[in-house]
Amino acid sequence: MHRLVFLAPLAAAFVAAPALADETDGPIVVTAQPLSETADALAACLARGCPPDQDIAATLAHAENQFLAGSYKQARTTLLKSIDRNKAQGRAFPLPVSNLYRANARVAEHVGEARSYQSSVLALRDTLRDGLGADSPRALAAQIEVGDSRAKLGFPDEADRIYAAVEEEASAKGLNRIAMYARLRQAILAQISAEDSNLPSEHKRARAALEEIVATAPPGTEDLRLTAQVTLARLDRKAGIAATTEALLRQFAASGGASRPILLAFDPIEREESDGLANRASGDIYRAGLSGNAASLDTLKRLTAFNSIGKWVDIGFWVTPSGQVSDIEILRSHGGTGWLKPVVEHLQSRVYAPLKADEDGVNPGLYMVERYSLTARWTDDATGTSMRRREFTPRIERLDITPENYAQPSIGPAADRG
């Protein structure tokens, strides 16, 4: 069994995403099938004029298979055709249609279509508002996803305003989990800003926001408190203080361990080192700049961006009972793997909570699989023409495609710092 990967949650900077169980759907699971079978199932569904919810379920199953096979463009085509067929059905089928937009947003990220990613996130929110009402908890939670999209696209101030507005509205309606989750997103934004600026005032602000969550998180939001504790530990490690991370490890060990992988520590992926081609080209770019050959500089940058397209890899690894990562291996890849060094270093740096022993007292650990895609976003040409071009800086997108061997939170809008 596979979780439908397009709906799989990702968390800010790889922090484990908390569930909003009362306000969102549970995990959507499909049975793994050959690509030909999901294609035939979708075709048969359309041939008999199946209702929109069945159309969307068949679409998502087939698009997932295409994505896992590395056929990103075909997966996106499958999703866009289904959106054209079903976008008018949002009021009658708000949850399936919003899931369709969410899936398209995920694929758009992996092919560098920033505008499509942004518009799909807005469309999923608007679908839930129109179908369930603007006051619906699901619609309000979707607004957090809009904030995440703004943060990921480089507008953290806008994201912060969105989170703050959601927190205020959710608090007024007594939706404590959504309110606390929105507050947590603000705190994580502050933590990211502190790491980027390294200003004492920013560190102080982030720490105060996280400590407030730890101190005031109401019953039913223990997972949010834990995420705040993990983020505080990260700030401490940056300052050379390991005691808080060690205390978290002791906390889990004393309680018998975690039932699912909970990430406590990691080193982020350094995007500047993400592409071997970019590194090799940088010397040539530097020399071109010294010689004043702007055309050569621009050409090499574009070459770097275009060579970032279409590379992906599935990496498998074990999370041991003690919470360490072992046996990292490339399961499948396409387009070369020279860019993977910082990804592997990131995985090697991860520390998970110790795992709970099985009934027989033994736990072999858990095997995880993650998809990493190397891409570059499309952007409008800055020269004033209407032509599009790839951004010069490649980026790495990540998606958890682990088989269903552990309980996973049901929501956690994406905001990875690839």
Foldseek 3Di string as FASTA:
>chain_A
DWFLQLQAAAAAQRAAFFFLVVQDDFTDDDDDDALVVLVVLLVVCVVVPHDLLSNLVSLSNNLSNCVVVLNLVVSLVSLVVSCVVCVVVLQVPLVSNLSSLSSNLSSCVQAQALVSVLVSLVSNLVSCCNNVNCLRSNSLLSLLLNLLSCVQVPNNVVSLVSLVVSLVSCVVVVSQQSNLSSLLVNLVSLLVVCVVVVDPVSLVVSLVSLVCCLVDRDPPNVVSNVSSLLSNCASCVVVVHNVSLVVQLVVQVVVQHAQDWGWRDWDGQDLCLQDPLCVVCVVVLVVCVVVVVVVSNVVSLQVQQVLQGSKKWKWKWWQALSFATDDIDTPDIPSDDPRCVSVVRGNRGIGTHHHHAPPVRHDRTFMWMKMKGKHFHWDADPPPDRDIGTHSGIDIDMTTGGRPPGRGHRYHRDNYND
